[in-house]
Amino acid sequence: MLSALEEFFPTGTRWTRPEGGMFIWVRPPEHIDSMKLLDEAVAELVAFVPSAPFYANDPQHNTLRLSFVTVPPEKIREGVAKLGKLIKAKL
């Protein structure tokens, strides 16, 4: 997933590099609302978890979580490519 993020996501998008766990936290440019992005992603058969509900205070609406443990690598690459294209379209 990390290599796919580097390949397909636009400059200005940041993400964590986990040493364990199940998710990568992604932060696209600030003007992108991950809840709205989710609707577009689901239409492309891609899903993620918008991260705003995980903040106790001052939610960040442009953040999202991507799971890397339950999806085969080829599907991860395909999904990240689709998601990257959706994000790029909003720039």
PDB file of N, CA and C in Angstrom:
ATOM      1  N   MET A   1       0.826  -1.189   0.000  1.00  0.00           N
ATOM      2  CA  MET A   1       0.000   0.000   0.000  1.00  0.00           C
ATOM      3  C   MET A   1       0.871   1.253   0.000  1.00  0.00           C
ATOM      4  N   LEU A   2       1.950   1.240   0.745  1.00  0.00           N
ATOM      5  CA  LEU A   2       2.816   2.416   0.802  1.00  0.00           C
ATOM      6  C   LEU A   2       3.386   2.754  -0.568  1.00  0.00           C
ATOM      7  N   SER A   3       3.830   1.768  -1.309  1.00  0.00           N
ATOM      8  CA  SER A   3       4.380   2.054  -2.640  1.00  0.00           C
ATOM      9  C   SER A   3       3.285   2.539  -3.585  1.00  0.00           C
ATOM     10  N   ALA A   4       2.072   2.006  -3.470  1.00  0.00           N
ATOM     11  CA  ALA A   4       0.961   2.474  -4.296  1.00  0.00           C
ATOM     12  C   ALA A   4       0.592   3.913  -3.958  1.00  0.00           C
ATOM     13  N   LEU A   5       0.617   4.264  -2.683  1.00  0.00           N
ATOM     14  CA  LEU A   5       0.340   5.647  -2.285  1.00  0.00           C
ATOM     15  C   LEU A   5       1.363   6.591  -2.918  1.00  0.00           C
ATOM     16  N   GLU A   6       2.625   6.204  -2.866  1.00  0.00           N
ATOM     17  CA  GLU A   6       3.678   7.040  -3.455  1.00  0.00           C
ATOM     18  C   GLU A   6       3.481   7.191  -4.962  1.00  0.00           C
ATOM     19  N   GLU A   7       3.029   6.136  -5.603  1.00  0.00           N
ATOM     20  CA  GLU A   7       2.866   6.165  -7.057  1.00  0.00           C
ATOM     21  C   GLU A   7       1.622   6.927  -7.504  1.00  0.00           C
ATOM     22  N   PHE A   8       0.505   6.760  -6.812  1.00  0.00           N
ATOM     23  CA  PHE A   8      -0.771   7.254  -7.326  1.00  0.00           C
ATOM     24  C   PHE A   8      -1.340   8.491  -6.629  1.00  0.00           C
ATOM     25  N   PHE A   9      -0.887   8.810  -5.443  1.00  0.00           N
ATOM     26  CA  PHE A   9      -1.475   9.954  -4.746  1.00  0.00           C
ATOM     27  C   PHE A   9      -0.735  11.235  -5.114  1.00  0.00           C
ATOM     28  N   PRO A  10      -1.468  12.351  -5.157  1.00  0.00           N
ATOM     29  CA  PRO A  10      -0.838  13.604  -5.579  1.00  0.00           C
ATOM     30  C   PRO A  10       0.089  14.188  -4.510  1.00  0.00           C
ATOM     31  N   THR A  11       0.992  15.010  -4.985  1.00  0.00           N
ATOM     32  CA  THR A  11       1.863  15.760  -4.092  1.00  0.00           C
ATOM     33  C   THR A  11       1.002  16.564  -3.133  1.00  0.00           C
ATOM     34  N   GLY A  12       1.409  16.633  -1.901  1.00  0.00           N
ATOM     35  CA  GLY A  12       0.645  17.351  -0.881  1.00  0.00           C
ATOM     36  C   GLY A  12      -0.180  16.428  -0.016  1.00  0.00           C
ATOM     37  N   THR A  13      -0.308  15.169  -0.419  1.00  0.00           N
ATOM     38  CA  THR A  13      -0.990  14.174   0.398  1.00  0.00           C
ATOM     39  C   THR A  13       0.047  13.529   1.306  1.00  0.00           C
ATOM     40  N   ARG A  14      -0.301  13.383   2.578  1.00  0.00           N
ATOM     41  CA  ARG A  14       0.620  12.761   3.546  1.00  0.00           C
ATOM     42  C   ARG A  14      -0.031  11.522   4.130  1.00  0.00           C
ATOM     43  N   TRP A  15       0.801  10.613   4.642  1.00  0.00           N
ATOM     44  CA  TRP A  15       0.291   9.413   5.281  1.00  0.00           C
ATOM     45  C   TRP A  15       1.301   8.890   6.276  1.00  0.00           C
ATOM     46  N   THR A  16       0.792   8.067   7.199  1.00  0.00           N
ATOM     47  CA  THR A  16       1.657   7.458   8.200  1.00  0.00           C
ATOM     48  C   THR A  16       2.397   6.275   7.587  1.00  0.00           C
ATOM     49  N   ARG A  17       3.454   5.863   8.233  1.00  0.00           N
ATOM     50  CA  ARG A  17       4.206   4.661   7.866  1.00  0.00           C
ATOM     51  C   ARG A  17       4.204   3.756   9.095  1.00  0.00           C
ATOM     52  N   PRO A  18       3.112   2.993   9.261  1.00  0.00           N
ATOM     53  CA  PRO A  18       2.950   2.208  10.484  1.00  0.00           C
ATOM     54  C   PRO A  18       3.983   1.096  10.627  1.00  0.00           C
ATOM     55  N   GLU A  19       4.356   0.849  11.859  1.00  0.00           N
ATOM     56  CA  GLU A  19       5.259  -0.264  12.172  1.00  0.00           C
ATOM     57  C   GLU A  19       4.466  -1.470  12.658  1.00  0.00           C
ATOM     58  N   GLY A  20       3.176  -1.361  12.649  1.00  0.00           N
ATOM     59  CA  GLY A  20       2.273  -2.423  13.067  1.00  0.00           C
ATOM     60  C   GLY A  20       0.851  -1.944  12.874  1.00  0.00           C
ATOM     61  N   GLY A  21      -0.082  -2.673  13.404  1.00  0.00           N
ATOM     62  CA  GLY A  21      -1.479  -2.277  13.303  1.00  0.00           C
ATOM     63  C   GLY A  21      -2.109  -2.731  12.006  1.00  0.00           C
ATOM     64  N   MET A  22      -3.199  -2.055  11.641  1.00  0.00           N
ATOM     65  CA  MET A  22      -3.984  -2.478  10.490  1.00  0.00           C
ATOM     66  C   MET A  22      -4.302  -1.353   9.509  1.00  0.00           C
ATOM     67  N   PHE A  23      -3.930  -0.119   9.848  1.00  0.00           N
ATOM     68  CA  PHE A  23      -4.364   1.018   9.038  1.00  0.00           C
ATOM     69  C   PHE A  23      -3.226   1.976   8.733  1.00  0.00           C
ATOM     70  N   ILE A  24      -3.375   2.648   7.614  1.00  0.00           N
ATOM     71  CA  ILE A  24      -2.558   3.808   7.274  1.00  0.00           C
ATOM     72  C   ILE A  24      -3.493   5.004   7.344  1.00  0.00           C
ATOM     73  N   TRP A  25      -3.078   6.028   8.079  1.00  0.00           N
ATOM     74  CA  TRP A  25      -3.850   7.263   8.152  1.00  0.00           C
ATOM     75  C   TRP A  25      -3.364   8.177   7.038  1.00  0.00           C
ATOM     76  N   VAL A  26      -4.295   8.677   6.239  1.00  0.00           N
ATOM     77  CA  VAL A  26      -3.973   9.498   5.076  1.00  0.00           C
ATOM     78  C   VAL A  26      -4.558  10.892   5.260  1.00  0.00           C
ATOM     79  N   ARG A  27      -3.780  11.894   4.855  1.00  0.00           N
ATOM     80  CA  ARG A  27      -4.232  13.284   4.929  1.00  0.00           C
ATOM     81  C   ARG A  27      -4.076  13.935   3.561  1.00  0.00           C
ATOM     82  N   PRO A  28      -5.168  13.923   2.754  1.00  0.00           N
ATOM     83  CA  PRO A  28      -5.143  14.647   1.478  1.00  0.00           C
ATOM     84  C   PRO A  28      -5.121  16.157   1.736  1.00  0.00           C
ATOM     85  N   PRO A  29      -5.012  16.975   0.698  1.00  0.00           N
ATOM     86  CA  PRO A  29      -5.081  18.428   0.891  1.00  0.00           C
ATOM     87  C   PRO A  29      -6.319  18.822   1.701  1.00  0.00           C
ATOM     88  N   GLU A  30      -6.202  19.906   2.458  1.00  0.00           N
ATOM     89  CA  GLU A  30      -7.219  20.281   3.447  1.00  0.00           C
ATOM     90  C   GLU A  30      -8.609  20.526   2.876  1.00  0.00           C
ATOM     91  N   HIS A  31      -8.727  20.938   1.648  1.00  0.00           N
ATOM     92  CA  HIS A  31     -10.056  21.264   1.104  1.00  0.00           C
ATOM     93  C   HIS A  31     -10.858  20.020   0.732  1.00  0.00           C
ATOM     94  N   ILE A  32     -10.281  18.843   0.836  1.00  0.00           N
ATOM     95  CA  ILE A  32     -10.977  17.609   0.464  1.00  0.00           C
ATOM     96  C   ILE A  32     -11.697  17.039   1.686  1.00  0.00           C
ATOM     97  N   ASP A  33     -12.987  16.892   1.587  1.00  0.00           N
ATOM     98  CA  ASP A  33     -13.811  16.333   2.662  1.00  0.00           C
ATOM     99  C   ASP A  33     -13.899  14.823   2.455  1.00  0.00           C
ATOM    100  N   SER A  34     -13.367  14.056   3.396  1.00  0.00           N
ATOM    101  CA  SER A  34     -13.311  12.602   3.223  1.00  0.00           C
ATOM    102  C   SER A  34     -14.704  11.957   3.232  1.00  0.00           C
ATOM    103  N   MET A  35     -15.682  12.562   3.870  1.00  0.00           N
ATOM    104  CA  MET A  35     -17.038  12.007   3.835  1.00  0.00           C
ATOM    105  C   MET A  35     -17.617  12.102   2.417  1.00  0.00           C
ATOM    106  N   LYS A  36     -17.408  13.225   1.753  1.00  0.00           N
ATOM    107  CA  LYS A  36     -17.872  13.378   0.373  1.00  0.00           C
ATOM    108  C   LYS A  36     -17.063  12.484  -0.563  1.00  0.00           C
ATOM    109  N   LEU A  37     -15.767  12.388  -0.297  1.00  0.00           N
ATOM    110  CA  LEU A  37     -14.899  11.537  -1.107  1.00  0.00           C
ATOM    111  C   LEU A  37     -15.320  10.071  -1.002  1.00  0.00           C
ATOM    112  N   LEU A  38     -15.792   9.658   0.157  1.00  0.00           N
ATOM    113  CA  LEU A  38     -16.221   8.279   0.349  1.00  0.00           C
ATOM    114  C   LEU A  38     -17.353   7.906  -0.610  1.00  0.00           C
ATOM    115  N   ASP A  39     -18.315   8.797  -0.795  1.00  0.00           N
ATOM    116  CA  ASP A  39     -19.417   8.510  -1.727  1.00  0.00           C
ATOM    117  C   ASP A  39     -18.890   8.245  -3.139  1.00  0.00           C
ATOM    118  N   GLU A  40     -17.945   9.050  -3.580  1.00  0.00           N
ATOM    119  CA  GLU A  40     -17.361   8.873  -4.904  1.00  0.00           C
ATOM    120  C   GLU A  40     -16.543   7.588  -4.973  1.00  0.00           C
ATOM    121  N   ALA A  41     -15.815   7.287  -3.911  1.00  0.00           N
ATOM    122  CA  ALA A  41     -14.990   6.084  -3.883  1.00  0.00           C
ATOM    123  C   ALA A  41     -15.854   4.820  -3.932  1.00  0.00           C
ATOM    124  N   VAL A  42     -16.936   4.799  -3.171  1.00  0.00           N
ATOM    125  CA  VAL A  42     -17.819   3.632  -3.154  1.00  0.00           C
ATOM    126  C   VAL A  42     -18.408   3.400  -4.554  1.00  0.00           C
ATOM    127  N   ALA A  43     -18.691   4.471  -5.282  1.00  0.00           N
ATOM    128  CA  ALA A  43     -19.180   4.327  -6.655  1.00  0.00           C
ATOM    129  C   ALA A  43     -18.142   3.648  -7.549  1.00  0.00           C
ATOM    130  N   GLU A  44     -16.867   3.742  -7.155  1.00  0.00           N
ATOM    131  CA  GLU A  44     -15.768   3.087  -7.881  1.00  0.00           C
ATOM    132  C   GLU A  44     -15.382   1.753  -7.241  1.00  0.00           C
ATOM    133  N   LEU A  45     -16.209   1.277  -6.292  1.00  0.00           N
ATOM    134  CA  LEU A  45     -15.986   0.017  -5.567  1.00  0.00           C
ATOM    135  C   LEU A  45     -14.731   0.052  -4.701  1.00  0.00           C
ATOM    136  N   VAL A  46     -14.466   1.226  -4.113  1.00  0.00           N
ATOM    137  CA  VAL A  46     -13.356   1.418  -3.180  1.00  0.00           C
ATOM    138  C   VAL A  46     -13.941   1.940  -1.874  1.00  0.00           C
ATOM    139  N   ALA A  47     -13.462   1.424  -0.754  1.00  0.00           N
ATOM    140  CA  ALA A  47     -13.961   1.887   0.543  1.00  0.00           C
ATOM    141  C   ALA A  47     -12.800   2.257   1.445  1.00  0.00           C
ATOM    142  N   PHE A  48     -13.061   3.186   2.342  1.00  0.00           N
ATOM    143  CA  PHE A  48     -12.123   3.590   3.388  1.00  0.00           C
ATOM    144  C   PHE A  48     -12.943   4.106   4.549  1.00  0.00           C
ATOM    145  N   VAL A  49     -12.297   4.420   5.638  1.00  0.00           N
ATOM    146  CA  VAL A  49     -12.987   4.945   6.811  1.00  0.00           C
ATOM    147  C   VAL A  49     -12.651   6.426   6.963  1.00  0.00           C
ATOM    148  N   PRO A  50     -13.635   7.329   6.814  1.00  0.00           N
ATOM    149  CA  PRO A  50     -13.370   8.741   7.101  1.00  0.00           C
ATOM    150  C   PRO A  50     -12.945   8.884   8.562  1.00  0.00           C
ATOM    151  N   SER A  51     -11.946   9.697   8.816  1.00  0.00           N
ATOM    152  CA  SER A  51     -11.351   9.742  10.158  1.00  0.00           C
ATOM    153  C   SER A  51     -11.938  10.784  11.091  1.00  0.00           C
ATOM    154  N   ALA A  52     -12.735  11.715  10.598  1.00  0.00           N
ATOM    155  CA  ALA A  52     -13.261  12.780  11.458  1.00  0.00           C
ATOM    156  C   ALA A  52     -13.912  12.256  12.741  1.00  0.00           C
ATOM    157  N   PRO A  53     -14.694  11.159  12.713  1.00  0.00           N
ATOM    158  CA  PRO A  53     -15.311  10.670  13.949  1.00  0.00           C
ATOM    159  C   PRO A  53     -14.313  10.180  15.011  1.00  0.00           C
ATOM    160  N   PHE A  54     -13.060   9.973  14.636  1.00  0.00           N
ATOM    161  CA  PHE A  54     -12.068   9.485  15.593  1.00  0.00           C
ATOM    162  C   PHE A  54     -11.411  10.601  16.400  1.00  0.00           C
ATOM    163  N   TYR A  55     -11.694  11.851  16.080  1.00  0.00           N
ATOM    164  CA  TYR A  55     -11.117  12.981  16.796  1.00  0.00           C
ATOM    165  C   TYR A  55     -12.043  13.382  17.942  1.00  0.00           C
ATOM    166  N   ALA A  56     -11.502  13.534  19.130  1.00  0.00           N
ATOM    167  CA  ALA A  56     -12.310  13.961  20.276  1.00  0.00           C
ATOM    168  C   ALA A  56     -12.683  15.429  20.152  1.00  0.00           C
ATOM    169  N   ASN A  57     -11.761  16.232  19.682  1.00  0.00           N
ATOM    170  CA  ASN A  57     -11.972  17.667  19.496  1.00  0.00           C
ATOM    171  C   ASN A  57     -11.429  18.056  18.133  1.00  0.00           C
ATOM    172  N   ASP A  58     -11.986  19.096  17.556  1.00  0.00           N
ATOM    173  CA  ASP A  58     -11.476  19.653  16.309  1.00  0.00           C
ATOM    174  C   ASP A  58     -11.231  18.591  15.238  1.00  0.00           C
ATOM    175  N   PRO A  59     -12.281  17.935  14.761  1.00  0.00           N
ATOM    176  CA  PRO A  59     -12.094  16.877  13.766  1.00  0.00           C
ATOM    177  C   PRO A  59     -11.457  17.396  12.484  1.00  0.00           C
ATOM    178  N   GLN A  60     -10.626  16.581  11.911  1.00  0.00           N
ATOM    179  CA  GLN A  60      -9.987  16.888  10.629  1.00  0.00           C
ATOM    180  C   GLN A  60     -10.799  16.190   9.540  1.00  0.00           C
ATOM    181  N   HIS A  61     -11.515  16.948   8.747  1.00  0.00           N
ATOM    182  CA  HIS A  61     -12.441  16.383   7.766  1.00  0.00           C
ATOM    183  C   HIS A  61     -11.757  15.874   6.503  1.00  0.00           C
ATOM    184  N   ASN A  62     -10.487  16.134   6.365  1.00  0.00           N
ATOM    185  CA  ASN A  62      -9.774  15.674   5.175  1.00  0.00           C
ATOM    186  C   ASN A  62      -8.964  14.403   5.443  1.00  0.00           C
ATOM    187  N   THR A  63      -9.149  13.762   6.563  1.00  0.00           N
ATOM    188  CA  THR A  63      -8.356  12.579   6.888  1.00  0.00           C
ATOM    189  C   THR A  63      -9.156  11.300   6.674  1.00  0.00           C
ATOM    190  N   LEU A  64      -8.419  10.203   6.419  1.00  0.00           N
ATOM    191  CA  LEU A  64      -9.077   8.919   6.217  1.00  0.00           C
ATOM    192  C   LEU A  64      -8.141   7.794   6.612  1.00  0.00           C
ATOM    193  N   ARG A  65      -8.724   6.625   6.859  1.00  0.00           N
ATOM    194  CA  ARG A  65      -7.962   5.426   7.220  1.00  0.00           C
ATOM    195  C   ARG A  65      -8.110   4.388   6.124  1.00  0.00           C
ATOM    196  N   LEU A  66      -6.990   3.790   5.751  1.00  0.00           N
ATOM    197  CA  LEU A  66      -6.981   2.712   4.770  1.00  0.00           C
ATOM    198  C   LEU A  66      -6.496   1.447   5.450  1.00  0.00           C
ATOM    199  N   SER A  67      -7.235   0.368   5.317  1.00  0.00           N
ATOM    200  CA  SER A  67      -6.844  -0.916   5.902  1.00  0.00           C
ATOM    201  C   SER A  67      -5.955  -1.671   4.923  1.00  0.00           C
ATOM    202  N   PHE A  68      -4.872  -2.234   5.449  1.00  0.00           N
ATOM    203  CA  PHE A  68      -3.963  -2.991   4.589  1.00  0.00           C
ATOM    204  C   PHE A  68      -3.869  -4.461   4.980  1.00  0.00           C
ATOM    205  N   VAL A  69      -4.771  -4.948   5.832  1.00  0.00           N
ATOM    206  CA  VAL A  69      -4.632  -6.326   6.320  1.00  0.00           C
ATOM    207  C   VAL A  69      -5.614  -7.330   5.723  1.00  0.00           C
ATOM    208  N   THR A  70      -6.701  -6.907   5.146  1.00  0.00           N
ATOM    209  CA  THR A  70      -7.709  -7.862   4.699  1.00  0.00           C
ATOM    210  C   THR A  70      -7.892  -7.911   3.185  1.00  0.00           C
ATOM    211  N   VAL A  71      -7.063  -7.186   2.460  1.00  0.00           N
ATOM    212  CA  VAL A  71      -7.218  -7.080   1.021  1.00  0.00           C
ATOM    213  C   VAL A  71      -5.928  -7.564   0.348  1.00  0.00           C
ATOM    214  N   PRO A  72      -6.037  -8.369  -0.705  1.00  0.00           N
ATOM    215  CA  PRO A  72      -4.834  -8.828  -1.407  1.00  0.00           C
ATOM    216  C   PRO A  72      -4.069  -7.658  -2.035  1.00  0.00           C
ATOM    217  N   PRO A  73      -2.747  -7.760  -2.138  1.00  0.00           N
ATOM    218  CA  PRO A  73      -1.923  -6.657  -2.663  1.00  0.00           C
ATOM    219  C   PRO A  73      -2.383  -6.111  -4.018  1.00  0.00           C
ATOM    220  N   GLU A  74      -2.816  -6.968  -4.933  1.00  0.00           N
ATOM    221  CA  GLU A  74      -3.230  -6.468  -6.247  1.00  0.00           C
ATOM    222  C   GLU A  74      -4.503  -5.631  -6.147  1.00  0.00           C
ATOM    223  N   LYS A  75      -5.388  -5.976  -5.228  1.00  0.00           N
ATOM    224  CA  LYS A  75      -6.611  -5.182  -5.020  1.00  0.00           C
ATOM    225  C   LYS A  75      -6.270  -3.868  -4.317  1.00  0.00           C
ATOM    226  N   ILE A  76      -5.305  -3.900  -3.404  1.00  0.00           N
ATOM    227  CA  ILE A  76      -4.869  -2.669  -2.737  1.00  0.00           C
ATOM    228  C   ILE A  76      -4.350  -1.689  -3.781  1.00  0.00           C
ATOM    229  N   ARG A  77      -3.495  -2.156  -4.655  1.00  0.00           N
ATOM    230  CA  ARG A  77      -2.923  -1.289  -5.688  1.00  0.00           C
ATOM    231  C   ARG A  77      -4.023  -0.693  -6.569  1.00  0.00           C
ATOM    232  N   GLU A  78      -4.962  -1.513  -6.981  1.00  0.00           N
ATOM    233  CA  GLU A  78      -6.076  -1.048  -7.818  1.00  0.00           C
ATOM    234  C   GLU A  78      -6.916  -0.001  -7.086  1.00  0.00           C
ATOM    235  N   GLY A  79      -7.232  -0.267  -5.820  1.00  0.00           N
ATOM    236  CA  GLY A  79      -8.040   0.668  -5.035  1.00  0.00           C
ATOM    237  C   GLY A  79      -7.327   1.978  -4.773  1.00  0.00           C
ATOM    238  N   VAL A  80      -6.040   1.913  -4.460  1.00  0.00           N
ATOM    239  CA  VAL A  80      -5.273   3.135  -4.218  1.00  0.00           C
ATOM    240  C   VAL A  80      -5.177   3.959  -5.503  1.00  0.00           C
ATOM    241  N   ALA A  81      -5.023   3.296  -6.651  1.00  0.00           N
ATOM    242  CA  ALA A  81      -4.976   4.016  -7.923  1.00  0.00           C
ATOM    243  C   ALA A  81      -6.296   4.757  -8.169  1.00  0.00           C
ATOM    244  N   LYS A  82      -7.414   4.104  -7.938  1.00  0.00           N
ATOM    245  CA  LYS A  82      -8.727   4.747  -8.117  1.00  0.00           C
ATOM    246  C   LYS A  82      -8.903   5.910  -7.159  1.00  0.00           C
ATOM    247  N   LEU A  83      -8.523   5.700  -5.906  1.00  0.00           N
ATOM    248  CA  LEU A  83      -8.665   6.758  -4.906  1.00  0.00           C
ATOM    249  C   LEU A  83      -7.755   7.939  -5.231  1.00  0.00           C
ATOM    250  N   GLY A  84      -6.545   7.652  -5.657  1.00  0.00           N
ATOM    251  CA  GLY A  84      -5.637   8.722  -6.065  1.00  0.00           C
ATOM    252  C   GLY A  84      -6.196   9.549  -7.209  1.00  0.00           C
ATOM    253  N   LYS A  85      -6.837   8.889  -8.169  1.00  0.00           N
ATOM    254  CA  LYS A  85      -7.444   9.590  -9.296  1.00  0.00           C
ATOM    255  C   LYS A  85      -8.572  10.509  -8.825  1.00  0.00           C
ATOM    256  N   LEU A  86      -9.381  10.026  -7.870  1.00  0.00           N
ATOM    257  CA  LEU A  86     -10.464  10.853  -7.335  1.00  0.00           C
ATOM    258  C   LEU A  86      -9.915  12.080  -6.612  1.00  0.00           C
ATOM    259  N   ILE A  87      -8.852  11.885  -5.838  1.00  0.00           N
ATOM    260  CA  ILE A  87      -8.251  13.015  -5.115  1.00  0.00           C
ATOM    261  C   ILE A  87      -7.650  14.008  -6.095  1.00  0.00           C
ATOM    262  N   LYS A  88      -6.927  13.528  -7.095  1.00  0.00           N
ATOM    263  CA  LYS A  88      -6.320  14.414  -8.094  1.00  0.00           C
ATOM    264  C   LYS A  88      -7.374  15.252  -8.809  1.00  0.00           C
ATOM    265  N   ALA A  89      -8.553  14.678  -9.039  1.00  0.00           N
ATOM    266  CA  ALA A  89      -9.625  15.406  -9.725  1.00  0.00           C
ATOM    267  C   ALA A  89     -10.127  16.582  -8.911  1.00  0.00           C
ATOM    268  N   LYS A  90      -9.864  16.592  -7.611  1.00  0.00           N
ATOM    269  CA  LYS A  90     -10.321  17.671  -6.732  1.00  0.00           C
ATOM    270  C   LYS A  90      -9.288  18.780  -6.562  1.00  0.00           C
ATOM    271  N   LEU A  91      -8.142  18.632  -7.181  1.00  0.00           N
ATOM    272  CA  LEU A  91      -7.081  19.647  -7.038  1.00  0.00           C
ATOM    273  C   LEU A  91      -7.258  20.794  -7.997  1.00  0.00           C
TER     274      LEU A  91
END
